Amino acid sequence: MKGKVYFIDTVHPILEERLTMCGYQCIDLTKTPVVELPSKIQDACGLVIRSRITLSKEIMSQCPDLQFIARSGSGLENIDVSFCNEHNIQLFNSPEGNKNAVAEHALGMLLSLLNKIVKSNQEIRLGIWDREGNRGEELDGKTIGIIGYGNNGAAFAKKLRGFDVKVMAYDKYKNGFGDHFVQECTLQAIQEQADVISFHIPQNKETVHFFNDEFLHNCHKNHFLLNLSRGKIVDTSALVQGLRSNKIKGACLDVLEYEKSSFESFFDQEHSDDFRYLLESERVLLSPHIAGWTVESYFKLSNVLADKIISCFSA
C-alpha cells in the first residue's frame, strides 16, 4: 500500500478508481465538517481538494508524510504554495480538464449578451414583444482582447476562429505564441483597440483587482467585459462605474469577487449596492461559477489528475 489519500472535496470517481488500482488507500472525507479535517488528515500521503478547505502551512505542517496535493481545477489560491515548494510537496492541478468548457461558456455568454437573448426570452415570457428594444450587435468585425493565454485563454481564442474577428492576447509570463489566428500584444494594445476584453488569469497578489479604475481609464473604446477566471480579478465598484458611464457596454460574469470558499452559502451574505446593480442590470449576464462545470469536464478534471499523479510516482 502506497499510503492514504484523503478526498476532501467531491470529484469524479475515476480518480479514486485509478489511485486505488495503483495501491493507494483512498478515504472519503467529503462529508466531514471542515473544522474536523486538520485532525483527520495528519497521516495523509495525498490530499484531493477543490475549494472547501484552505491548506495553510499550519495544517500541512501537521502532515509529515504528505507527498502531493491534487487540486481539481486550476486555482491554487487556497494552498500555501511556498510551503509546498519548501517541503517538496507536489502540487497537481487540472486546468486542461475544463478549458474547453470554459471557452464554450465564454462564447455562449458573449453571444447571448450581444444578441440580448436572455433579456428577450424573459420579456416574451412576460407577454412583451419588443423587437427594436432587443436589436443586437454582431461579433464579426470586432477586436477581442484576451488577458492571460494559458489553457483557458488559448481555448477561448480557438473558439473564436470561426468568426471574422481580430483576436489579440497578452500574457505577462508567456511569449512566442502568436500565430495566424492570434496576435500576441501588450496590455496597452488591448486597452487601446479591444471591443471585448476577456480575463483568463489566476488569482494572486499581482492580479487581485487587475481590472480597476486605472485599467478602465486606460481603455480607449467602450467595450464588453468578460470574467471567467476568479471574481477578485475585477473590482466590482470599477465595473459598475464603467457600466453607469457606458464605458463598459455590458459584462459577462461567471465569477464574482463576493464569492466565499463555499459558494453554496453565497446568498447568506449581505450584499453591496454594487452587487445589487449587477443583479438589476439588463446589460450584465451572471452565472454561478459554472463555466468549467460540464458533464465532460467533471470526468476530464479527475482523469488528468490521475495521469499526473501516476506519472510522477510511478517509479
Protein backbone atom coordinates (compact mmCIF):
# COMPACT_ATOMS: atom_id res chain seq x y z
CA MET A 1 0.00 0.00 0.00
CA LYS A 2 1.45 3.34 -1.07
CA GLY A 3 -0.30 5.48 1.53
CA LYS A 4 -3.55 7.22 2.38
CA VAL A 5 -5.17 9.73 0.04
CA TYR A 6 -7.93 11.79 1.62
CA PHE A 7 -10.69 13.14 -0.61
CA ILE A 8 -11.79 16.42 0.98
CA ASP A 9 -13.99 17.55 -1.92
CA THR A 10 -16.21 15.57 -4.26
CA VAL A 11 -14.61 14.76 -7.63
CA HIS A 12 -15.33 12.26 -10.38
CA PRO A 13 -14.88 8.66 -9.10
CA ILE A 14 -12.36 7.89 -11.85
CA LEU A 15 -9.63 9.47 -9.72
CA GLU A 16 -10.31 7.19 -6.75
CA GLU A 17 -10.60 4.17 -9.05
CA ARG A 18 -7.26 4.79 -10.71
CA LEU A 19 -5.40 5.64 -7.50
CA THR A 20 -6.80 2.55 -5.79
CA MET A 21 -5.61 0.41 -8.68
CA CYS A 22 -2.13 1.88 -8.14
CA GLY A 23 -2.07 0.85 -4.49
CA TYR A 24 -3.26 3.97 -2.67
CA GLN A 25 -5.81 3.75 0.14
CA CYS A 26 -8.49 6.31 -0.74
CA ILE A 27 -10.57 7.72 2.12
CA ASP A 28 -13.71 9.84 1.73
CA LEU A 29 -13.83 12.93 3.96
CA THR A 30 -16.23 14.91 1.80
CA LYS A 31 -18.92 14.87 4.47
CA THR A 32 -16.55 15.59 7.38
CA PRO A 33 -17.01 19.11 8.83
CA VAL A 34 -14.21 21.44 7.77
CA VAL A 35 -13.22 22.17 11.38
CA GLU A 36 -12.52 18.46 11.93
CA LEU A 37 -10.41 17.96 8.81
CA PRO A 38 -6.96 19.04 10.15
CA SER A 39 -7.03 16.31 12.80
CA LYS A 40 -8.23 13.67 10.30
CA ILE A 41 -5.54 14.11 7.63
CA GLN A 42 -2.31 14.06 9.64
CA ASP A 43 -1.20 10.71 8.20
CA ALA A 44 -2.02 11.72 4.61
CA CYS A 45 0.17 10.78 1.72
CA GLY A 46 -2.05 12.79 -0.64
CA LEU A 47 -4.97 15.22 -0.47
CA VAL A 48 -7.64 15.78 -3.11
CA ILE A 49 -9.35 19.16 -2.89
CA ARG A 50 -11.31 21.81 -4.74
CA SER A 51 -12.18 24.83 -2.62
CA ARG A 52 -13.74 23.59 0.63
CA ILE A 53 -10.57 24.00 2.68
CA THR A 54 -7.60 26.35 2.76
CA LEU A 55 -4.42 24.32 3.09
CA SER A 56 -2.28 26.62 5.20
CA LYS A 57 1.24 25.87 6.38
CA GLU A 58 -0.20 25.32 9.88
CA ILE A 59 -2.39 22.49 8.59
CA MET A 60 0.18 20.98 6.24
CA SER A 61 2.97 21.09 8.83
CA GLN A 62 0.96 18.50 10.80
CA CYS A 63 1.13 16.12 7.81
CA PRO A 64 4.74 14.88 7.81
CA ASP A 65 4.11 12.21 5.16
CA LEU A 66 2.31 14.47 2.70
CA GLN A 67 3.65 13.87 -0.81
CA PHE A 68 1.09 15.55 -3.05
CA ILE A 69 -1.99 17.74 -3.27
CA ALA A 70 -4.37 17.22 -6.18
CA ARG A 71 -6.49 20.29 -6.88
CA SER A 72 -9.42 19.55 -9.20
CA GLY A 73 -9.49 22.62 -11.41
CA SER A 74 -6.90 25.31 -11.92
CA GLY A 75 -6.77 27.76 -9.00
CA LEU A 76 -4.17 27.30 -6.25
CA GLU A 77 -5.10 30.35 -4.20
CA ASN A 78 -6.33 28.20 -1.30
CA ILE A 79 -2.98 26.41 -0.96
CA ASP A 80 0.23 27.74 0.61
CA VAL A 81 2.32 27.12 -2.50
CA SER A 82 5.54 28.37 -0.88
CA PHE A 83 5.25 25.82 1.92
CA CYS A 84 4.71 23.05 -0.62
CA ASN A 85 7.77 24.10 -2.60
CA GLU A 86 9.92 24.26 0.54
CA HIS A 87 8.84 20.78 1.69
CA ASN A 88 8.86 19.02 -1.68
CA ILE A 89 5.09 18.53 -1.73
CA GLN A 90 3.98 18.02 -5.33
CA LEU A 91 1.12 20.24 -6.48
CA PHE A 92 -1.15 18.95 -9.22
CA ASN A 93 -4.00 20.87 -10.81
CA SER A 94 -6.01 20.16 -13.94
CA PRO A 95 -6.75 23.29 -15.99
CA GLU A 96 -6.57 21.13 -19.11
CA GLY A 97 -9.68 19.30 -17.91
CA ASN A 98 -12.15 22.16 -18.19
CA LYS A 99 -10.53 24.53 -20.69
CA ASN A 100 -12.97 23.60 -23.45
CA ALA A 101 -15.96 24.00 -21.14
CA VAL A 102 -14.79 27.46 -20.06
CA ALA A 103 -14.18 28.53 -23.66
CA GLU A 104 -17.62 27.39 -24.80
CA HIS A 105 -19.25 29.12 -21.82
CA ALA A 106 -17.40 32.36 -22.56
CA LEU A 107 -18.51 32.33 -26.18
CA GLY A 108 -22.06 31.44 -25.21
CA MET A 109 -22.30 34.28 -22.69
CA LEU A 110 -20.82 36.78 -25.12
CA LEU A 111 -23.18 35.88 -27.97
CA SER A 112 -26.14 35.88 -25.58
CA LEU A 113 -25.25 39.35 -24.33
CA LEU A 114 -24.59 40.82 -27.78
CA ASN A 115 -27.88 39.47 -29.12
CA LYS A 116 -29.92 40.16 -25.96
CA ILE A 117 -31.12 36.56 -25.91
CA VAL A 118 -31.68 36.35 -22.15
CA LYS A 119 -33.47 39.71 -21.99
CA SER A 120 -35.79 38.96 -24.90
CA ASN A 121 -36.56 35.48 -23.59
CA GLN A 122 -37.57 36.90 -20.22
CA GLU A 123 -39.71 39.60 -21.84
CA ILE A 124 -41.59 37.19 -24.09
CA ARG A 125 -42.50 35.09 -21.06
CA LEU A 126 -43.99 38.27 -19.57
CA GLY A 127 -46.01 38.95 -22.72
CA ILE A 128 -43.67 41.63 -24.10
CA TRP A 129 -42.86 41.50 -27.82
CA ASP A 130 -40.15 44.15 -28.27
CA ARG A 131 -38.05 43.73 -31.41
CA GLU A 132 -36.44 47.16 -31.56
CA GLY A 133 -35.53 47.15 -27.87
CA ASN A 134 -33.73 43.86 -28.42
CA ARG A 135 -31.77 44.76 -31.53
CA GLY A 136 -28.41 43.03 -31.15
CA GLU A 137 -24.80 43.52 -32.17
CA GLU A 138 -22.77 41.16 -34.31
CA LEU A 139 -19.48 39.72 -33.13
CA ASP A 140 -17.98 39.83 -36.63
CA GLY A 141 -15.64 42.76 -37.17
CA LYS A 142 -14.85 43.24 -33.51
CA THR A 143 -11.47 43.08 -31.80
CA ILE A 144 -11.29 40.61 -28.91
CA GLY A 145 -8.63 41.16 -26.25
CA ILE A 146 -7.69 38.09 -24.20
CA ILE A 147 -5.74 38.71 -20.99
CA GLY A 148 -3.97 35.52 -19.92
CA TYR A 149 -3.04 33.00 -22.59
CA GLY A 150 -2.89 29.78 -20.64
CA ASN A 151 -5.21 26.81 -21.10
CA ASN A 152 -8.45 28.78 -20.88
CA GLY A 153 -7.35 31.87 -22.80
CA ALA A 154 -5.95 29.79 -25.64
CA ALA A 155 -9.09 27.64 -25.76
CA PHE A 156 -11.29 30.74 -25.99
CA ALA A 157 -9.14 32.06 -28.83
CA LYS A 158 -9.61 28.74 -30.64
CA LYS A 159 -13.40 29.01 -30.36
CA LEU A 160 -13.27 32.46 -31.96
CA ARG A 161 -11.61 31.17 -35.14
CA GLY A 162 -14.96 30.69 -36.85
CA PHE A 163 -15.76 34.39 -36.59
CA ASP A 164 -14.44 37.29 -38.61
CA VAL A 165 -12.78 38.90 -35.60
CA LYS A 166 -9.33 40.14 -34.67
CA VAL A 167 -8.01 38.27 -31.63
CA MET A 168 -5.28 39.89 -29.52
CA ALA A 169 -3.74 38.24 -26.49
CA TYR A 170 -1.50 39.43 -23.65
CA ASP A 171 0.27 37.22 -21.13
CA LYS A 172 2.90 38.61 -18.78
CA TYR A 173 4.62 35.24 -18.42
CA LYS A 174 4.40 33.88 -21.94
CA ASN A 175 5.63 34.93 -25.36
CA GLY A 176 6.07 33.48 -28.82
CA PHE A 177 2.50 32.17 -29.00
CA GLY A 178 1.21 34.42 -31.77
CA ASP A 179 0.04 32.75 -34.96
CA HIS A 180 -2.24 33.26 -37.94
CA PHE A 181 -5.29 33.50 -35.65
CA VAL A 182 -3.93 35.31 -32.57
CA GLN A 183 -1.85 38.47 -32.38
CA GLU A 184 0.49 38.50 -29.39
CA CYS A 185 0.48 42.02 -27.97
CA THR A 186 0.94 44.28 -24.97
CA LEU A 187 -1.69 45.07 -22.37
CA GLN A 188 -1.69 48.64 -23.62
CA ALA A 189 -2.55 47.48 -27.13
CA ILE A 190 -5.60 45.62 -25.83
CA GLN A 191 -6.70 48.65 -23.84
CA GLU A 192 -6.38 50.80 -26.96
CA GLN A 193 -8.07 48.51 -29.50
CA ALA A 194 -10.37 45.92 -27.92
CA ASP A 195 -14.15 45.91 -28.29
CA VAL A 196 -14.30 42.90 -25.95
CA ILE A 197 -11.89 42.23 -23.06
CA SER A 198 -11.85 38.75 -21.53
CA PHE A 199 -9.92 37.77 -18.41
CA HIS A 200 -8.31 34.31 -18.11
CA ILE A 201 -5.71 34.81 -15.37
CA PRO A 202 -5.15 33.18 -11.96
CA GLN A 203 -5.78 34.96 -8.69
CA ASN A 204 -2.66 36.02 -6.83
CA LYS A 205 -1.17 39.14 -5.23
CA GLU A 206 -0.47 40.64 -8.65
CA THR A 207 -3.90 40.06 -10.12
CA VAL A 208 -6.41 40.96 -7.39
CA HIS A 209 -8.36 43.92 -8.80
CA PHE A 210 -6.35 43.74 -12.02
CA PHE A 211 -9.37 45.44 -13.55
CA ASN A 212 -9.79 48.65 -11.57
CA ASP A 213 -10.41 52.37 -12.09
CA GLU A 214 -6.98 52.86 -13.66
CA PHE A 215 -7.45 49.94 -16.05
CA LEU A 216 -10.82 51.32 -17.12
CA HIS A 217 -9.39 54.82 -17.57
CA ASN A 218 -6.73 53.43 -19.92
CA CYS A 219 -9.30 51.75 -22.19
CA HIS A 220 -9.85 53.87 -25.32
CA LYS A 221 -13.03 52.19 -26.58
CA ASN A 222 -16.33 51.41 -24.99
CA HIS A 223 -16.20 47.64 -24.62
CA PHE A 224 -17.76 44.45 -23.32
CA LEU A 225 -16.04 42.77 -20.37
CA LEU A 226 -15.87 39.03 -19.63
CA ASN A 227 -14.56 37.45 -16.45
CA LEU A 228 -14.46 33.66 -16.24
CA SER A 229 -11.31 33.41 -14.13
CA ARG A 230 -11.63 34.49 -10.48
CA GLY A 231 -14.02 37.02 -9.00
CA LYS A 232 -11.42 39.16 -7.31
CA ILE A 233 -9.70 39.89 -10.65
CA VAL A 234 -12.40 42.51 -11.26
CA ASP A 235 -13.05 45.38 -8.86
CA THR A 236 -16.84 45.43 -8.85
CA SER A 237 -17.01 49.14 -7.98
CA ALA A 238 -14.91 49.99 -11.03
CA LEU A 239 -17.06 47.70 -13.18
CA VAL A 240 -20.28 49.35 -12.00
CA GLN A 241 -18.78 52.78 -12.59
CA GLY A 242 -17.94 51.71 -16.12
CA LEU A 243 -21.44 50.37 -16.72
CA ARG A 244 -23.05 53.54 -15.39
CA SER A 245 -20.91 55.70 -17.68
CA ASN A 246 -21.38 53.30 -20.64
CA LYS A 247 -17.60 52.94 -20.92
CA ILE A 248 -18.47 49.28 -20.39
CA LYS A 249 -21.27 48.33 -22.75
CA GLY A 250 -22.03 45.07 -20.96
CA ALA A 251 -20.46 42.36 -18.81
CA CYS A 252 -20.48 38.57 -18.66
CA LEU A 253 -19.51 37.33 -15.20
CA ASP A 254 -19.22 33.68 -14.27
CA VAL A 255 -17.39 34.70 -11.09
CA LEU A 256 -17.85 37.48 -8.53
CA GLU A 257 -15.47 38.98 -6.02
CA TYR A 258 -18.04 38.40 -3.27
CA GLU A 259 -17.82 34.61 -3.50
CA LYS A 260 -16.89 32.70 -0.38
CA SER A 261 -14.91 29.48 -0.46
CA SER A 262 -18.22 27.68 -0.05
CA PHE A 263 -20.26 29.02 -2.95
CA GLU A 264 -23.46 27.43 -1.69
CA SER A 265 -23.61 29.99 1.16
CA PHE A 266 -23.13 32.89 -1.24
CA PHE A 267 -26.57 34.43 -0.75
CA ASP A 268 -26.34 34.21 3.03
CA GLN A 269 -24.11 37.29 2.90
CA GLU A 270 -25.18 40.91 2.93
CA HIS A 271 -24.52 42.41 -0.46
CA SER A 272 -23.45 45.87 -1.52
CA ASP A 273 -25.21 48.40 -3.72
CA ASP A 274 -22.74 47.49 -6.46
CA PHE A 275 -23.84 43.86 -6.42
CA ARG A 276 -27.50 44.84 -6.46
CA TYR A 277 -26.75 46.99 -9.51
CA LEU A 278 -25.32 43.94 -11.28
CA LEU A 279 -28.39 41.89 -10.39
CA GLU A 280 -30.74 44.51 -11.79
CA SER A 281 -28.82 45.45 -14.94
CA GLU A 282 -30.05 44.13 -18.28
CA ARG A 283 -26.50 44.58 -19.61
CA VAL A 284 -24.99 42.05 -17.22
CA LEU A 285 -25.11 38.26 -17.56
CA LEU A 286 -24.33 36.21 -14.46
CA SER A 287 -23.71 32.51 -13.92
CA PRO A 288 -22.80 30.75 -10.65
CA HIS A 289 -19.15 29.82 -11.33
CA ILE A 290 -20.15 27.05 -13.73
CA ALA A 291 -18.07 27.86 -16.81
CA GLY A 292 -15.93 24.78 -16.30
CA TRP A 293 -18.74 22.72 -14.80
CA THR A 294 -19.89 20.34 -17.53
CA VAL A 295 -20.58 16.61 -17.61
CA GLU A 296 -17.50 16.12 -19.76
CA SER A 297 -15.17 18.32 -17.71
CA TYR A 298 -16.20 16.57 -14.48
CA PHE A 299 -14.58 13.40 -15.81
CA LYS A 300 -11.63 15.09 -17.52
CA LEU A 301 -10.61 17.11 -14.44
CA SER A 302 -10.14 13.94 -12.39
CA ASN A 303 -8.69 11.85 -15.17
CA VAL A 304 -6.00 14.47 -15.84
CA LEU A 305 -5.10 14.48 -12.14
CA ALA A 306 -4.80 10.70 -12.14
CA ASP A 307 -2.48 10.88 -15.16
CA LYS A 308 -0.22 13.40 -13.44
CA ILE A 309 -0.08 11.66 -10.07
CA ILE A 310 0.57 8.20 -11.51
CA SER A 311 3.20 9.56 -13.89
CA CYS A 312 5.03 11.38 -11.08
CA PHE A 313 5.05 8.48 -8.61
CA SER A 314 5.23 5.54 -10.99
CA ALA A 315 8.93 4.86 -10.30
